Amino acid sequence: MARASSRDGDGAEPGLTVRPASEVARDDLAAVFGTRGTASRCFCQRYKLAPGEFFAGFPAEERAHRLREQTDCGRPDADRTSGLVAFDGGEPVGWCAVEPRSAYPGLVRNQRVPWLDRSEDRADAGVWAVTCVLTRAGHRKRGVGRALVRAAVEFARDRGARAVEGYPVTVAGVLDEERHVGTVAMFTAAGLVEVGRPTPRRAVLRLDF
């Protein structure tokens, strides 16, 4: 699978590389999510809940297990994965969830983000979505998020997507659980443009290929 690295002028420090999560060891993926804070409890499962499931209905261990299954973590020959992992040298420092938009049941069911005032086929697997951009504590302000979003755009394009979207926060001082959807600057640096504002705190950015 293709790898992506930081480029001059993208705001990321030299030495950052991004790999499909299927190529990454389980311990490296676990290190990014850590043992404290929202990420260590969510494991990127809020948008993956099936109808009838609720977030508090299964423990963090089950969420972590589901993430490993969704990424095919540690299986470099896998033909799918649900995200990317950023490395600074050999150290895992970030995660980005990117899949067809229709692969996120919770997103499909949402009545506002990203659907408000838009005419979209929610089942269209040709539109991909970046739903989480997570930088490991101690590695922020180094361009990890921008490198991940750039890599996610190319990852989606290489796998046949006709468009990619992101749903970042639009205000400063966001809550911890909101931070992981990324910022507008991360997405505009990767070429996405705003196409909607479903809430005062969230924007829809999109790039059509």
N, C-alpha and C. Protein backbone atom coordinates (compact mmCIF):
# COMPACT_ATOMS: atom_id res chain seq x y z
N MET A 1 0.84 -1.19 0.00
CA MET A 1 0.00 0.00 0.00
C MET A 1 0.88 1.24 0.00
N ALA A 2 0.35 2.30 -0.55
CA ALA A 2 1.13 3.52 -0.68
C ALA A 2 1.36 4.17 0.67
N ARG A 3 2.52 4.80 0.78
CA ARG A 3 2.85 5.58 1.95
C ARG A 3 2.88 7.04 1.57
N ALA A 4 2.64 7.91 2.56
CA ALA A 4 2.70 9.34 2.30
C ALA A 4 3.66 9.98 3.29
N SER A 5 4.37 10.99 2.86
CA SER A 5 5.29 11.70 3.74
C SER A 5 4.98 13.18 3.70
N SER A 6 5.49 13.90 4.70
CA SER A 6 5.26 15.34 4.73
C SER A 6 5.99 16.00 3.58
N ARG A 7 5.40 17.12 3.10
CA ARG A 7 6.00 17.85 2.00
C ARG A 7 6.36 19.25 2.47
N ASP A 8 7.36 19.84 1.83
CA ASP A 8 7.73 21.21 2.15
C ASP A 8 6.52 22.12 1.94
N GLY A 9 6.25 22.97 2.93
CA GLY A 9 5.18 23.95 2.78
C GLY A 9 3.83 23.47 3.28
N ASP A 10 3.71 22.23 3.76
CA ASP A 10 2.40 21.78 4.23
C ASP A 10 2.21 21.99 5.72
N GLY A 11 3.20 22.61 6.39
CA GLY A 11 3.08 22.87 7.81
C GLY A 11 3.50 21.71 8.67
N ALA A 12 3.92 20.60 8.09
CA ALA A 12 4.35 19.44 8.86
C ALA A 12 5.87 19.42 8.96
N GLU A 13 6.36 18.92 10.07
CA GLU A 13 7.80 18.81 10.25
C GLU A 13 8.36 17.73 9.33
N PRO A 14 9.59 17.94 8.82
CA PRO A 14 10.24 16.88 8.04
C PRO A 14 10.36 15.61 8.88
N GLY A 15 10.26 14.48 8.24
CA GLY A 15 10.40 13.22 8.95
C GLY A 15 9.11 12.54 9.29
N LEU A 16 7.98 13.25 9.12
CA LEU A 16 6.68 12.63 9.36
C LEU A 16 6.32 11.73 8.18
N THR A 17 5.90 10.52 8.47
CA THR A 17 5.41 9.61 7.45
C THR A 17 4.06 9.07 7.87
N VAL A 18 3.26 8.66 6.89
CA VAL A 18 1.92 8.16 7.16
C VAL A 18 1.76 6.81 6.48
N ARG A 19 1.24 5.83 7.23
CA ARG A 19 1.09 4.48 6.70
C ARG A 19 -0.34 3.99 6.91
N PRO A 20 -0.86 3.16 6.03
CA PRO A 20 -2.15 2.52 6.27
C PRO A 20 -2.11 1.73 7.58
N ALA A 21 -3.18 1.79 8.34
CA ALA A 21 -3.19 1.15 9.65
C ALA A 21 -3.02 -0.37 9.57
N SER A 22 -3.38 -0.96 8.44
CA SER A 22 -3.20 -2.41 8.29
C SER A 22 -1.72 -2.80 8.32
N GLU A 23 -0.84 -1.85 7.99
CA GLU A 23 0.59 -2.13 7.98
C GLU A 23 1.25 -1.87 9.33
N VAL A 24 0.46 -1.46 10.30
CA VAL A 24 0.99 -0.99 11.58
C VAL A 24 0.79 -2.05 12.66
N ALA A 25 1.75 -2.18 13.53
CA ALA A 25 1.64 -3.12 14.65
C ALA A 25 0.56 -2.68 15.63
N ARG A 26 -0.06 -3.63 16.28
CA ARG A 26 -1.12 -3.31 17.24
C ARG A 26 -0.63 -2.38 18.33
N ASP A 27 0.59 -2.62 18.81
CA ASP A 27 1.12 -1.78 19.89
C ASP A 27 1.27 -0.33 19.45
N ASP A 28 1.63 -0.12 18.18
CA ASP A 28 1.77 1.24 17.69
C ASP A 28 0.42 1.94 17.60
N LEU A 29 -0.59 1.24 17.13
CA LEU A 29 -1.93 1.82 17.07
C LEU A 29 -2.42 2.14 18.48
N ALA A 30 -2.22 1.22 19.42
CA ALA A 30 -2.65 1.44 20.80
C ALA A 30 -1.92 2.63 21.41
N ALA A 31 -0.66 2.82 21.07
CA ALA A 31 0.12 3.93 21.63
C ALA A 31 -0.46 5.27 21.24
N VAL A 32 -0.98 5.39 20.02
CA VAL A 32 -1.56 6.65 19.58
C VAL A 32 -2.80 6.99 20.40
N PHE A 33 -3.64 6.01 20.68
CA PHE A 33 -4.87 6.26 21.43
C PHE A 33 -4.61 6.42 22.92
N GLY A 34 -3.51 5.85 23.41
CA GLY A 34 -3.11 6.07 24.79
C GLY A 34 -4.00 5.39 25.81
N THR A 35 -3.83 5.79 27.06
CA THR A 35 -4.57 5.19 28.17
C THR A 35 -5.37 6.22 28.96
N ARG A 36 -5.32 7.48 28.54
CA ARG A 36 -6.06 8.55 29.23
C ARG A 36 -6.72 9.44 28.19
N GLY A 37 -7.79 10.12 28.60
CA GLY A 37 -8.46 11.05 27.70
C GLY A 37 -9.53 10.41 26.84
N THR A 38 -10.18 11.25 26.05
CA THR A 38 -11.31 10.81 25.24
C THR A 38 -10.93 9.72 24.24
N ALA A 39 -9.77 9.86 23.60
CA ALA A 39 -9.38 8.89 22.57
C ALA A 39 -9.27 7.49 23.13
N SER A 40 -8.78 7.36 24.35
CA SER A 40 -8.59 6.05 24.95
C SER A 40 -9.91 5.40 25.35
N ARG A 41 -10.98 6.16 25.33
CA ARG A 41 -12.31 5.62 25.63
C ARG A 41 -13.13 5.42 24.37
N CYS A 42 -12.91 6.26 23.37
CA CYS A 42 -13.73 6.22 22.16
C CYS A 42 -13.25 5.18 21.15
N PHE A 43 -11.93 5.15 20.90
CA PHE A 43 -11.35 4.26 19.89
C PHE A 43 -12.07 4.40 18.54
N CYS A 44 -12.46 5.63 18.24
CA CYS A 44 -13.04 5.96 16.95
C CYS A 44 -14.29 5.13 16.62
N GLN A 45 -15.14 4.92 17.62
CA GLN A 45 -16.31 4.07 17.41
C GLN A 45 -17.65 4.81 17.39
N ARG A 46 -17.67 6.09 17.67
CA ARG A 46 -18.96 6.78 17.75
C ARG A 46 -19.73 6.74 16.44
N TYR A 47 -19.07 6.93 15.33
CA TYR A 47 -19.74 6.89 14.04
C TYR A 47 -19.90 5.47 13.50
N LYS A 48 -19.30 4.49 14.20
CA LYS A 48 -19.37 3.11 13.71
C LYS A 48 -20.47 2.29 14.38
N LEU A 49 -21.21 2.89 15.29
CA LEU A 49 -22.25 2.15 16.00
C LEU A 49 -23.36 1.72 15.06
N ALA A 50 -23.76 0.47 15.18
CA ALA A 50 -24.85 -0.05 14.37
C ALA A 50 -26.19 0.39 14.95
N PRO A 51 -27.26 0.35 14.16
CA PRO A 51 -28.59 0.68 14.69
C PRO A 51 -28.90 -0.17 15.92
N GLY A 52 -29.39 0.48 16.96
CA GLY A 52 -29.72 -0.21 18.19
C GLY A 52 -28.60 -0.24 19.20
N GLU A 53 -27.37 0.07 18.78
CA GLU A 53 -26.25 0.13 19.72
C GLU A 53 -26.16 1.53 20.32
N PHE A 54 -25.63 1.60 21.54
CA PHE A 54 -25.37 2.90 22.14
C PHE A 54 -23.98 2.86 22.76
N PHE A 55 -23.34 4.03 22.79
CA PHE A 55 -21.91 4.10 23.08
C PHE A 55 -21.56 3.50 24.44
N ALA A 56 -22.38 3.77 25.43
CA ALA A 56 -22.09 3.27 26.78
C ALA A 56 -22.43 1.80 26.95
N GLY A 57 -22.95 1.19 25.90
CA GLY A 57 -23.41 -0.19 26.01
C GLY A 57 -22.34 -1.25 25.90
N PHE A 58 -21.12 -0.85 25.58
CA PHE A 58 -20.04 -1.84 25.55
C PHE A 58 -18.74 -1.18 26.02
N PRO A 59 -17.87 -1.92 26.70
CA PRO A 59 -16.70 -1.33 27.36
C PRO A 59 -15.62 -0.90 26.38
N ALA A 60 -14.67 -0.15 26.90
CA ALA A 60 -13.56 0.34 26.08
C ALA A 60 -12.79 -0.80 25.45
N GLU A 61 -12.69 -1.93 26.14
CA GLU A 61 -11.97 -3.07 25.58
C GLU A 61 -12.62 -3.57 24.29
N GLU A 62 -13.95 -3.56 24.26
CA GLU A 62 -14.66 -3.97 23.05
C GLU A 62 -14.47 -2.94 21.94
N ARG A 63 -14.47 -1.66 22.30
CA ARG A 63 -14.23 -0.62 21.30
C ARG A 63 -12.85 -0.77 20.68
N ALA A 64 -11.84 -1.05 21.53
CA ALA A 64 -10.48 -1.24 21.03
C ALA A 64 -10.40 -2.46 20.12
N HIS A 65 -11.11 -3.51 20.48
CA HIS A 65 -11.14 -4.72 19.65
C HIS A 65 -11.76 -4.42 18.29
N ARG A 66 -12.85 -3.67 18.30
CA ARG A 66 -13.50 -3.33 17.03
C ARG A 66 -12.57 -2.50 16.14
N LEU A 67 -11.85 -1.58 16.75
CA LEU A 67 -10.92 -0.77 15.96
C LEU A 67 -9.86 -1.65 15.31
N ARG A 68 -9.32 -2.60 16.05
CA ARG A 68 -8.32 -3.50 15.48
C ARG A 68 -8.90 -4.29 14.32
N GLU A 69 -10.15 -4.72 14.46
CA GLU A 69 -10.79 -5.46 13.38
C GLU A 69 -11.05 -4.57 12.16
N GLN A 70 -11.49 -3.36 12.41
CA GLN A 70 -11.81 -2.45 11.31
C GLN A 70 -10.56 -2.02 10.54
N THR A 71 -9.44 -1.90 11.24
CA THR A 71 -8.20 -1.48 10.57
C THR A 71 -7.45 -2.64 9.93
N ASP A 72 -7.79 -3.89 10.31
CA ASP A 72 -6.96 -5.04 9.94
C ASP A 72 -5.52 -4.81 10.39
N CYS A 73 -5.40 -4.25 11.57
CA CYS A 73 -4.10 -3.87 12.12
C CYS A 73 -3.15 -5.06 12.15
N GLY A 74 -1.91 -4.84 11.71
CA GLY A 74 -0.91 -5.89 11.71
C GLY A 74 -1.04 -6.88 10.58
N ARG A 75 -1.86 -6.56 9.56
CA ARG A 75 -2.05 -7.44 8.42
C ARG A 75 -1.72 -6.68 7.14
N PRO A 76 -0.45 -6.52 6.82
CA PRO A 76 -0.06 -5.70 5.68
C PRO A 76 -0.60 -6.18 4.33
N ASP A 77 -1.03 -7.44 4.24
CA ASP A 77 -1.59 -7.94 2.99
C ASP A 77 -3.09 -7.69 2.86
N ALA A 78 -3.69 -7.09 3.90
CA ALA A 78 -5.14 -6.85 3.86
C ALA A 78 -5.47 -5.87 2.74
N ASP A 79 -6.64 -6.06 2.12
CA ASP A 79 -7.04 -5.19 1.02
C ASP A 79 -7.91 -4.04 1.48
N ARG A 80 -8.05 -3.86 2.79
CA ARG A 80 -8.84 -2.75 3.31
C ARG A 80 -8.27 -2.32 4.65
N THR A 81 -8.61 -1.12 5.05
CA THR A 81 -8.33 -0.62 6.38
C THR A 81 -9.19 0.61 6.59
N SER A 82 -9.39 0.99 7.84
CA SER A 82 -10.28 2.11 8.12
C SER A 82 -9.53 3.38 8.48
N GLY A 83 -8.19 3.37 8.35
CA GLY A 83 -7.49 4.59 8.72
C GLY A 83 -6.01 4.55 8.46
N LEU A 84 -5.35 5.62 8.87
CA LEU A 84 -3.93 5.83 8.66
C LEU A 84 -3.26 6.17 9.99
N VAL A 85 -1.97 5.84 10.10
CA VAL A 85 -1.20 6.15 11.29
C VAL A 85 0.03 6.95 10.88
N ALA A 86 0.29 8.04 11.60
CA ALA A 86 1.45 8.89 11.33
C ALA A 86 2.59 8.50 12.27
N PHE A 87 3.80 8.58 11.73
CA PHE A 87 5.01 8.30 12.50
C PHE A 87 5.96 9.48 12.40
N ASP A 88 6.63 9.75 13.50
CA ASP A 88 7.74 10.70 13.52
C ASP A 88 8.99 9.87 13.75
N GLY A 89 9.74 9.63 12.68
CA GLY A 89 10.78 8.62 12.76
C GLY A 89 10.12 7.27 12.94
N GLY A 90 10.45 6.56 14.01
CA GLY A 90 9.82 5.27 14.27
C GLY A 90 8.73 5.32 15.31
N GLU A 91 8.37 6.52 15.75
CA GLU A 91 7.39 6.65 16.84
C GLU A 91 6.01 6.99 16.31
N PRO A 92 4.99 6.21 16.68
CA PRO A 92 3.63 6.52 16.23
C PRO A 92 3.10 7.77 16.93
N VAL A 93 2.59 8.74 16.14
CA VAL A 93 2.20 10.02 16.73
C VAL A 93 0.80 10.48 16.34
N GLY A 94 0.12 9.78 15.43
CA GLY A 94 -1.20 10.26 15.04
C GLY A 94 -2.03 9.22 14.31
N TRP A 95 -3.32 9.46 14.25
CA TRP A 95 -4.29 8.57 13.61
C TRP A 95 -5.29 9.40 12.83
N CYS A 96 -5.74 8.87 11.71
CA CYS A 96 -6.78 9.51 10.91
C CYS A 96 -7.73 8.43 10.40
N ALA A 97 -9.02 8.60 10.67
CA ALA A 97 -10.04 7.68 10.16
C ALA A 97 -10.50 8.16 8.79
N VAL A 98 -10.42 7.30 7.79
CA VAL A 98 -10.87 7.66 6.45
C VAL A 98 -11.42 6.42 5.76
N GLU A 99 -12.67 6.50 5.34
CA GLU A 99 -13.38 5.40 4.69
C GLU A 99 -14.48 5.99 3.82
N PRO A 100 -15.14 5.15 3.01
CA PRO A 100 -16.35 5.63 2.35
C PRO A 100 -17.34 6.17 3.38
N ARG A 101 -17.96 7.27 3.07
CA ARG A 101 -18.89 7.92 4.01
C ARG A 101 -19.97 6.95 4.48
N SER A 102 -20.38 6.07 3.60
CA SER A 102 -21.44 5.11 3.93
C SER A 102 -21.00 4.06 4.93
N ALA A 103 -19.70 3.99 5.23
CA ALA A 103 -19.19 3.00 6.20
C ALA A 103 -19.37 3.46 7.64
N TYR A 104 -19.91 4.67 7.83
CA TYR A 104 -20.11 5.21 9.17
C TYR A 104 -21.61 5.27 9.47
N PRO A 105 -22.18 4.22 10.05
CA PRO A 105 -23.63 4.21 10.28
C PRO A 105 -24.13 5.39 11.10
N GLY A 106 -23.34 5.78 12.11
CA GLY A 106 -23.76 6.91 12.94
C GLY A 106 -23.78 8.21 12.17
N LEU A 107 -22.89 8.38 11.24
CA LEU A 107 -22.87 9.56 10.39
C LEU A 107 -24.05 9.56 9.44
N VAL A 108 -24.34 8.41 8.87
CA VAL A 108 -25.47 8.28 7.95
C VAL A 108 -26.78 8.63 8.65
N ARG A 109 -26.90 8.24 9.92
CA ARG A 109 -28.14 8.49 10.65
C ARG A 109 -28.26 9.90 11.20
N ASN A 110 -27.15 10.62 11.29
CA ASN A 110 -27.16 11.97 11.85
C ASN A 110 -28.07 12.88 11.02
N GLN A 111 -28.82 13.71 11.69
CA GLN A 111 -29.77 14.56 10.98
C GLN A 111 -29.21 15.95 10.65
N ARG A 112 -28.01 16.28 11.13
CA ARG A 112 -27.45 17.60 10.86
C ARG A 112 -26.09 17.51 10.17
N VAL A 113 -25.10 16.94 10.85
CA VAL A 113 -23.76 16.85 10.26
C VAL A 113 -23.62 15.51 9.55
N PRO A 114 -23.35 15.49 8.26
CA PRO A 114 -23.07 16.61 7.36
C PRO A 114 -24.21 16.95 6.42
N TRP A 115 -25.44 16.57 6.76
CA TRP A 115 -26.50 16.55 5.75
C TRP A 115 -27.35 17.80 5.65
N LEU A 116 -27.37 18.64 6.66
CA LEU A 116 -28.30 19.77 6.68
C LEU A 116 -28.13 20.65 5.44
N ASP A 117 -29.23 20.91 4.77
CA ASP A 117 -29.28 21.78 3.59
C ASP A 117 -28.45 21.23 2.42
N ARG A 118 -28.28 19.92 2.38
CA ARG A 118 -27.56 19.31 1.26
C ARG A 118 -28.43 18.22 0.64
N SER A 119 -28.28 18.03 -0.65
CA SER A 119 -28.96 16.95 -1.35
C SER A 119 -27.92 15.90 -1.69
N GLU A 120 -27.82 14.87 -0.87
CA GLU A 120 -26.78 13.87 -0.99
C GLU A 120 -27.37 12.47 -0.84
N ASP A 121 -26.84 11.53 -1.59
CA ASP A 121 -27.19 10.13 -1.43
C ASP A 121 -26.35 9.57 -0.30
N ARG A 122 -26.96 9.30 0.83
CA ARG A 122 -26.21 8.85 2.00
C ARG A 122 -25.58 7.49 1.79
N ALA A 123 -26.04 6.72 0.85
CA ALA A 123 -25.49 5.39 0.58
C ALA A 123 -24.38 5.42 -0.47
N ASP A 124 -24.02 6.58 -0.96
CA ASP A 124 -23.02 6.70 -2.02
C ASP A 124 -21.63 6.38 -1.49
N ALA A 125 -21.09 5.23 -1.84
CA ALA A 125 -19.78 4.80 -1.37
C ALA A 125 -18.65 5.48 -2.11
N GLY A 126 -18.96 6.27 -3.12
CA GLY A 126 -17.93 6.98 -3.86
C GLY A 126 -17.44 8.24 -3.16
N VAL A 127 -18.19 8.68 -2.16
CA VAL A 127 -17.77 9.83 -1.35
C VAL A 127 -17.15 9.29 -0.06
N TRP A 128 -15.91 9.65 0.17
CA TRP A 128 -15.21 9.22 1.38
C TRP A 128 -15.23 10.32 2.42
N ALA A 129 -15.04 9.93 3.68
CA ALA A 129 -15.10 10.89 4.78
C ALA A 129 -13.91 10.71 5.71
N VAL A 130 -13.37 11.83 6.14
CA VAL A 130 -12.35 11.86 7.20
C VAL A 130 -13.06 12.27 8.47
N THR A 131 -13.26 11.35 9.39
CA THR A 131 -14.09 11.62 10.56
C THR A 131 -13.30 11.86 11.83
N CYS A 132 -12.01 11.52 11.83
CA CYS A 132 -11.21 11.70 13.04
C CYS A 132 -9.77 12.01 12.64
N VAL A 133 -9.19 13.02 13.29
CA VAL A 133 -7.78 13.36 13.11
C VAL A 133 -7.19 13.52 14.51
N LEU A 134 -6.45 12.52 14.93
CA LEU A 134 -5.97 12.46 16.32
C LEU A 134 -4.46 12.58 16.36
N THR A 135 -3.96 13.52 17.14
CA THR A 135 -2.52 13.64 17.37
C THR A 135 -2.22 13.24 18.81
N ARG A 136 -1.26 12.39 18.96
CA ARG A 136 -0.88 11.88 20.28
C ARG A 136 -0.37 13.00 21.18
N ALA A 137 -0.74 12.94 22.45
CA ALA A 137 -0.29 13.94 23.42
C ALA A 137 1.24 14.02 23.40
N GLY A 138 1.73 15.25 23.42
CA GLY A 138 3.17 15.47 23.38
C GLY A 138 3.72 15.69 21.99
N HIS A 139 2.86 15.55 20.98
CA HIS A 139 3.30 15.70 19.59
C HIS A 139 2.45 16.71 18.82
N ARG A 140 1.67 17.51 19.51
CA ARG A 140 0.82 18.47 18.84
C ARG A 140 1.60 19.71 18.43
N LYS A 141 1.01 20.50 17.56
CA LYS A 141 1.62 21.72 17.03
C LYS A 141 2.84 21.42 16.16
N ARG A 142 2.90 20.23 15.58
CA ARG A 142 4.02 19.86 14.73
C ARG A 142 3.58 19.49 13.31
N GLY A 143 2.33 19.75 12.99
CA GLY A 143 1.85 19.47 11.65
C GLY A 143 1.40 18.05 11.41
N VAL A 144 1.21 17.28 12.48
CA VAL A 144 0.80 15.88 12.32
C VAL A 144 -0.58 15.80 11.68
N GLY A 145 -1.51 16.63 12.15
CA GLY A 145 -2.87 16.60 11.60
C GLY A 145 -2.90 16.95 10.13
N ARG A 146 -2.12 17.95 9.73
CA ARG A 146 -2.11 18.34 8.32
C ARG A 146 -1.52 17.22 7.45
N ALA A 147 -0.47 16.60 7.95
CA ALA A 147 0.12 15.49 7.19
C ALA A 147 -0.87 14.34 7.04
N LEU A 148 -1.64 14.06 8.09
CA LEU A 148 -2.61 12.99 8.04
C LEU A 148 -3.74 13.28 7.05
N VAL A 149 -4.25 14.51 7.06
CA VAL A 149 -5.35 14.84 6.15
C VAL A 149 -4.86 14.80 4.70
N ARG A 150 -3.68 15.32 4.42
CA ARG A 150 -3.13 15.23 3.08
C ARG A 150 -3.03 13.77 2.63
N ALA A 151 -2.52 12.93 3.52
CA ALA A 151 -2.38 11.52 3.18
C ALA A 151 -3.74 10.86 2.98
N ALA A 152 -4.74 11.26 3.79
CA ALA A 152 -6.08 10.69 3.66
C ALA A 152 -6.70 11.03 2.31
N VAL A 153 -6.47 12.24 1.83
CA VAL A 153 -6.99 12.63 0.52
C VAL A 153 -6.40 11.73 -0.57
N GLU A 154 -5.10 11.52 -0.52
CA GLU A 154 -4.47 10.67 -1.53
C GLU A 154 -4.88 9.21 -1.38
N PHE A 155 -5.05 8.77 -0.15
CA PHE A 155 -5.48 7.40 0.13
C PHE A 155 -6.85 7.15 -0.49
N ALA A 156 -7.78 8.09 -0.28
CA ALA A 156 -9.12 7.95 -0.85
C ALA A 156 -9.08 8.00 -2.38
N ARG A 157 -8.32 8.94 -2.91
CA ARG A 157 -8.22 9.07 -4.37
C ARG A 157 -7.67 7.80 -4.99
N ASP A 158 -6.63 7.24 -4.39
CA ASP A 158 -5.99 6.03 -4.93
C ASP A 158 -6.92 4.83 -4.92
N ARG A 159 -7.94 4.87 -4.04
CA ARG A 159 -8.85 3.74 -3.93
C ARG A 159 -10.19 4.00 -4.62
N GLY A 160 -10.19 4.94 -5.52
CA GLY A 160 -11.35 5.13 -6.37
C GLY A 160 -12.40 6.10 -5.90
N ALA A 161 -12.14 6.83 -4.82
CA ALA A 161 -13.12 7.82 -4.37
C ALA A 161 -13.29 8.90 -5.43
N ARG A 162 -14.49 9.42 -5.55
CA ARG A 162 -14.71 10.55 -6.48
C ARG A 162 -14.76 11.87 -5.72
N ALA A 163 -14.81 11.78 -4.38
CA ALA A 163 -14.78 12.98 -3.54
C ALA A 163 -14.40 12.56 -2.12
N VAL A 164 -13.89 13.52 -1.37
CA VAL A 164 -13.59 13.27 0.04
C VAL A 164 -14.07 14.47 0.84
N GLU A 165 -14.61 14.19 2.04
CA GLU A 165 -15.15 15.24 2.89
C GLU A 165 -14.54 15.18 4.29
N GLY A 166 -14.59 16.32 4.99
CA GLY A 166 -14.24 16.39 6.40
C GLY A 166 -15.23 17.30 7.11
N TYR A 167 -15.33 17.15 8.43
CA TYR A 167 -16.35 17.86 9.20
C TYR A 167 -15.73 18.52 10.43
N PRO A 168 -14.81 19.46 10.21
CA PRO A 168 -14.03 20.01 11.33
C PRO A 168 -14.81 21.01 12.18
N VAL A 169 -14.25 21.28 13.34
CA VAL A 169 -14.79 22.33 14.21
C VAL A 169 -14.39 23.68 13.65
N THR A 170 -15.19 24.69 13.96
CA THR A 170 -14.97 26.03 13.39
C THR A 170 -14.62 27.07 14.45
N VAL A 171 -14.52 26.65 15.71
CA VAL A 171 -14.29 27.61 16.80
C VAL A 171 -13.08 27.19 17.61
N ALA A 172 -12.47 28.16 18.28
CA ALA A 172 -11.36 27.88 19.18
C ALA A 172 -11.90 27.41 20.53
N GLY A 173 -11.02 26.81 21.31
CA GLY A 173 -11.40 26.38 22.65
C GLY A 173 -12.41 25.26 22.66
N VAL A 174 -12.28 24.31 21.73
CA VAL A 174 -13.25 23.23 21.62
C VAL A 174 -13.05 22.22 22.73
N LEU A 175 -14.09 21.46 22.98
CA LEU A 175 -14.01 20.38 23.95
C LEU A 175 -13.11 19.27 23.42
N ASP A 176 -12.58 18.46 24.33
CA ASP A 176 -11.66 17.40 23.93
C ASP A 176 -12.30 16.46 22.92
N GLU A 177 -13.59 16.12 23.14
CA GLU A 177 -14.24 15.18 22.24
C GLU A 177 -14.49 15.79 20.86
N GLU A 178 -14.49 17.12 20.76
CA GLU A 178 -14.66 17.77 19.46
C GLU A 178 -13.35 17.92 18.70
N ARG A 179 -12.26 18.00 19.43
CA ARG A 179 -10.96 18.27 18.81
C ARG A 179 -10.59 17.23 17.78
N HIS A 180 -11.04 16.01 17.97
CA HIS A 180 -10.59 14.91 17.12
C HIS A 180 -11.24 14.88 15.75
N VAL A 181 -12.14 15.80 15.46
CA VAL A 181 -12.67 15.88 14.09
C VAL A 181 -11.79 16.75 13.21
N GLY A 182 -10.75 17.36 13.77
CA GLY A 182 -9.84 18.19 13.00
C GLY A 182 -10.26 19.65 12.96
N THR A 183 -9.42 20.46 12.33
CA THR A 183 -9.68 21.89 12.20
C THR A 183 -9.86 22.25 10.73
N VAL A 184 -10.48 23.39 10.51
CA VAL A 184 -10.69 23.85 9.13
C VAL A 184 -9.35 23.99 8.42
N ALA A 185 -8.33 24.50 9.11
CA ALA A 185 -7.03 24.73 8.49
C ALA A 185 -6.40 23.43 8.00
N MET A 186 -6.60 22.35 8.73
CA MET A 186 -6.05 21.05 8.29
C MET A 186 -6.62 20.65 6.94
N PHE A 187 -7.91 20.89 6.77
CA PHE A 187 -8.58 20.45 5.54
C PHE A 187 -8.32 21.40 4.37
N THR A 188 -8.31 22.70 4.64
CA THR A 188 -8.04 23.62 3.53
C THR A 188 -6.61 23.46 3.03
N ALA A 189 -5.68 23.11 3.92
CA ALA A 189 -4.30 22.88 3.50
C ALA A 189 -4.19 21.69 2.55
N ALA A 190 -5.15 20.78 2.62
CA ALA A 190 -5.16 19.61 1.75
C ALA A 190 -6.01 19.83 0.50
N GLY A 191 -6.54 21.04 0.32
CA GLY A 191 -7.28 21.36 -0.89
C GLY A 191 -8.79 21.29 -0.78
N LEU A 192 -9.34 20.98 0.40
CA LEU A 192 -10.79 20.93 0.55
C LEU A 192 -11.34 22.34 0.71
N VAL A 193 -12.58 22.53 0.30
CA VAL A 193 -13.24 23.83 0.42
C VAL A 193 -14.57 23.65 1.14
N GLU A 194 -14.99 24.71 1.81
CA GLU A 194 -16.23 24.63 2.58
C GLU A 194 -17.43 24.59 1.65
N VAL A 195 -18.34 23.64 1.93
CA VAL A 195 -19.57 23.51 1.15
C VAL A 195 -20.81 23.55 2.04
N GLY A 196 -20.62 23.65 3.36
CA GLY A 196 -21.78 23.68 4.24
C GLY A 196 -21.37 24.06 5.65
N ARG A 197 -22.39 24.55 6.40
CA ARG A 197 -22.18 24.91 7.81
C ARG A 197 -23.42 24.42 8.58
N PRO A 198 -23.48 23.10 8.87
CA PRO A 198 -24.69 22.54 9.47
C PRO A 198 -24.97 22.99 10.90
N THR A 199 -23.92 23.40 11.63
CA THR A 199 -24.09 23.95 12.98
C THR A 199 -23.12 25.10 13.14
N PRO A 200 -23.31 25.94 14.15
CA PRO A 200 -22.36 27.03 14.36
C PRO A 200 -20.94 26.56 14.65
N ARG A 201 -20.78 25.31 15.08
CA ARG A 201 -19.47 24.81 15.48
C ARG A 201 -18.83 23.84 14.48
N ARG A 202 -19.59 23.46 13.45
CA ARG A 202 -19.07 22.46 12.52
C ARG A 202 -19.26 22.92 11.07
N ALA A 203 -18.26 22.62 10.25
CA ALA A 203 -18.32 22.92 8.82
C ALA A 203 -18.20 21.63 8.04
N VAL A 204 -18.65 21.65 6.80
CA VAL A 204 -18.44 20.55 5.86
C VAL A 204 -17.47 21.04 4.80
N LEU A 205 -16.34 20.37 4.67
CA LEU A 205 -15.38 20.70 3.63
C LEU A 205 -15.26 19.52 2.68
N ARG A 206 -15.04 19.81 1.39
CA ARG A 206 -15.09 18.76 0.39
C ARG A 206 -14.10 19.03 -0.74
N LEU A 207 -13.59 17.94 -1.31
CA LEU A 207 -12.76 18.00 -2.51
C LEU A 207 -13.27 16.96 -3.46
N ASP A 208 -13.67 17.40 -4.66
CA ASP A 208 -14.10 16.48 -5.71
C ASP A 208 -12.91 16.20 -6.62
N PHE A 209 -12.72 14.93 -6.95
CA PHE A 209 -11.59 14.54 -7.78
C PHE A 209 -11.96 14.58 -9.27
